[in-house]
Each structure stands twice: as C-alpha cells, then as structure tokens.
Amino acid sequence: MFVALREWAKTKGATTVWLATETDNEQAKGFYTALGLAPTTVAYFEKK
C-alpha cells in the first residue's frame, strides 16, 4: 500500500514522503528501511 501511495503522490507533484514511528519500535523501523526509507531526526514539541 505504501508503494502505491508513494507512486500516486509522485503523480501529484510530491517530491518527499515521510512516515513516523516511535524511536523504540524496531519492527516498524525495519519495515520502513526495507521500503527504502532512511531515518532522520525530527524535533517534536508538545504542551499538555
């Protein structure tokens, strides 16, 4: 499904796609890496 979504996004002019997961979710990180995605650092701010 992700590959199809990425291809659809390209047809709409997208040049970047991203997904997010928790830093300790090794299974998701492995899956996303297998899709060809590379990890980056993101700053997340929240006020409760």
N, C-alpha and C. Protein backbone atom coordinates (compact mmCIF):
# COMPACT_ATOMS: atom_id res chain seq x y z
N MET A 1 0.82 -1.18 0.00
CA MET A 1 0.00 0.00 0.00
C MET A 1 0.87 1.26 0.00
N PHE A 2 1.96 1.23 0.78
CA PHE A 2 2.82 2.41 0.82
C PHE A 2 3.41 2.71 -0.55
N VAL A 3 3.86 1.68 -1.26
CA VAL A 3 4.46 1.89 -2.57
C VAL A 3 3.45 2.53 -3.51
N ALA A 4 2.20 2.06 -3.49
CA ALA A 4 1.16 2.64 -4.34
C ALA A 4 0.90 4.09 -3.96
N LEU A 5 0.86 4.39 -2.67
CA LEU A 5 0.64 5.76 -2.21
C LEU A 5 1.79 6.66 -2.63
N ARG A 6 3.01 6.15 -2.52
CA ARG A 6 4.18 6.94 -2.92
C ARG A 6 4.13 7.24 -4.42
N GLU A 7 3.77 6.27 -5.22
CA GLU A 7 3.67 6.49 -6.66
C GLU A 7 2.55 7.48 -6.99
N TRP A 8 1.43 7.37 -6.30
CA TRP A 8 0.33 8.32 -6.51
C TRP A 8 0.78 9.73 -6.14
N ALA A 9 1.49 9.86 -5.03
CA ALA A 9 1.97 11.17 -4.58
C ALA A 9 2.90 11.80 -5.63
N LYS A 10 3.73 10.98 -6.25
CA LYS A 10 4.62 11.49 -7.30
C LYS A 10 3.81 12.07 -8.45
N THR A 11 2.70 11.42 -8.81
CA THR A 11 1.89 11.93 -9.90
C THR A 11 1.25 13.26 -9.55
N LYS A 12 1.13 13.55 -8.27
CA LYS A 12 0.56 14.81 -7.80
C LYS A 12 1.63 15.87 -7.54
N GLY A 13 2.89 15.53 -7.81
CA GLY A 13 3.97 16.50 -7.66
C GLY A 13 4.77 16.41 -6.38
N ALA A 14 4.47 15.43 -5.54
CA ALA A 14 5.23 15.29 -4.28
C ALA A 14 6.67 14.89 -4.59
N THR A 15 7.59 15.46 -3.88
CA THR A 15 9.00 15.11 -4.03
C THR A 15 9.54 14.40 -2.80
N THR A 16 8.76 14.39 -1.73
CA THR A 16 9.17 13.77 -0.47
C THR A 16 7.98 13.09 0.16
N VAL A 17 8.24 11.95 0.78
CA VAL A 17 7.23 11.28 1.61
C VAL A 17 7.88 10.96 2.95
N TRP A 18 7.08 10.88 3.98
CA TRP A 18 7.62 10.52 5.28
C TRP A 18 6.60 9.74 6.09
N LEU A 19 7.12 8.95 6.98
CA LEU A 19 6.33 8.18 7.94
C LEU A 19 6.95 8.40 9.30
N ALA A 20 6.18 8.21 10.34
CA ALA A 20 6.71 8.38 11.69
C ALA A 20 6.44 7.14 12.52
N THR A 21 7.33 6.88 13.47
CA THR A 21 7.15 5.81 14.43
C THR A 21 7.89 6.19 15.71
N GLU A 22 7.61 5.48 16.74
CA GLU A 22 8.33 5.70 18.00
C GLU A 22 9.77 5.23 17.82
N THR A 23 10.69 5.86 18.53
CA THR A 23 12.11 5.55 18.36
C THR A 23 12.46 4.13 18.80
N ASP A 24 11.64 3.51 19.65
CA ASP A 24 11.94 2.16 20.11
C ASP A 24 11.15 1.08 19.35
N ASN A 25 10.46 1.45 18.28
CA ASN A 25 9.67 0.49 17.51
C ASN A 25 10.57 -0.13 16.43
N GLU A 26 11.35 -1.11 16.83
CA GLU A 26 12.32 -1.73 15.94
C GLU A 26 11.66 -2.41 14.75
N GLN A 27 10.50 -3.02 14.96
CA GLN A 27 9.81 -3.70 13.86
C GLN A 27 9.39 -2.70 12.78
N ALA A 28 8.82 -1.58 13.17
CA ALA A 28 8.41 -0.56 12.20
C ALA A 28 9.63 0.03 11.51
N LYS A 29 10.68 0.30 12.27
CA LYS A 29 11.88 0.88 11.68
C LYS A 29 12.48 -0.07 10.65
N GLY A 30 12.48 -1.35 10.92
CA GLY A 30 12.98 -2.33 9.96
C GLY A 30 12.11 -2.38 8.71
N PHE A 31 10.80 -2.32 8.91
CA PHE A 31 9.87 -2.34 7.78
C PHE A 31 10.07 -1.12 6.89
N TYR A 32 10.16 0.06 7.49
CA TYR A 32 10.33 1.28 6.72
C TYR A 32 11.67 1.28 5.99
N THR A 33 12.70 0.78 6.62
CA THR A 33 14.01 0.68 5.97
C THR A 33 13.93 -0.25 4.77
N ALA A 34 13.21 -1.35 4.91
CA ALA A 34 13.05 -2.30 3.81
C ALA A 34 12.30 -1.65 2.63
N LEU A 35 11.49 -0.65 2.90
CA LEU A 35 10.79 0.07 1.84
C LEU A 35 11.70 1.09 1.14
N GLY A 36 12.92 1.23 1.64
CA GLY A 36 13.85 2.17 1.04
C GLY A 36 13.89 3.53 1.70
N LEU A 37 13.20 3.68 2.84
CA LEU A 37 13.20 4.95 3.56
C LEU A 37 14.42 5.02 4.47
N ALA A 38 14.92 6.22 4.70
CA ALA A 38 16.07 6.42 5.57
C ALA A 38 15.64 7.21 6.80
N PRO A 39 16.14 6.83 7.98
CA PRO A 39 15.76 7.55 9.20
C PRO A 39 16.36 8.96 9.23
N THR A 40 15.63 9.88 9.83
CA THR A 40 16.10 11.24 10.05
C THR A 40 15.74 11.64 11.47
N THR A 41 16.18 12.79 11.88
CA THR A 41 15.85 13.31 13.20
C THR A 41 14.77 14.37 13.06
N VAL A 42 13.77 14.28 13.92
CA VAL A 42 12.68 15.25 13.92
C VAL A 42 12.50 15.75 15.34
N ALA A 43 12.31 17.04 15.49
CA ALA A 43 12.02 17.61 16.81
C ALA A 43 10.51 17.67 16.98
N TYR A 44 10.03 17.18 18.08
CA TYR A 44 8.59 17.15 18.37
C TYR A 44 8.36 17.92 19.67
N PHE A 45 7.47 18.85 19.63
CA PHE A 45 7.18 19.68 20.79
C PHE A 45 5.71 19.53 21.15
N GLU A 46 5.43 19.49 22.43
CA GLU A 46 4.06 19.31 22.89
C GLU A 46 3.84 20.07 24.18
N LYS A 47 2.68 20.63 24.34
CA LYS A 47 2.30 21.26 25.60
C LYS A 47 1.01 20.60 26.05
N LYS A 48 1.02 20.12 27.26
CA LYS A 48 -0.17 19.47 27.82
C LYS A 48 -0.83 20.36 28.82
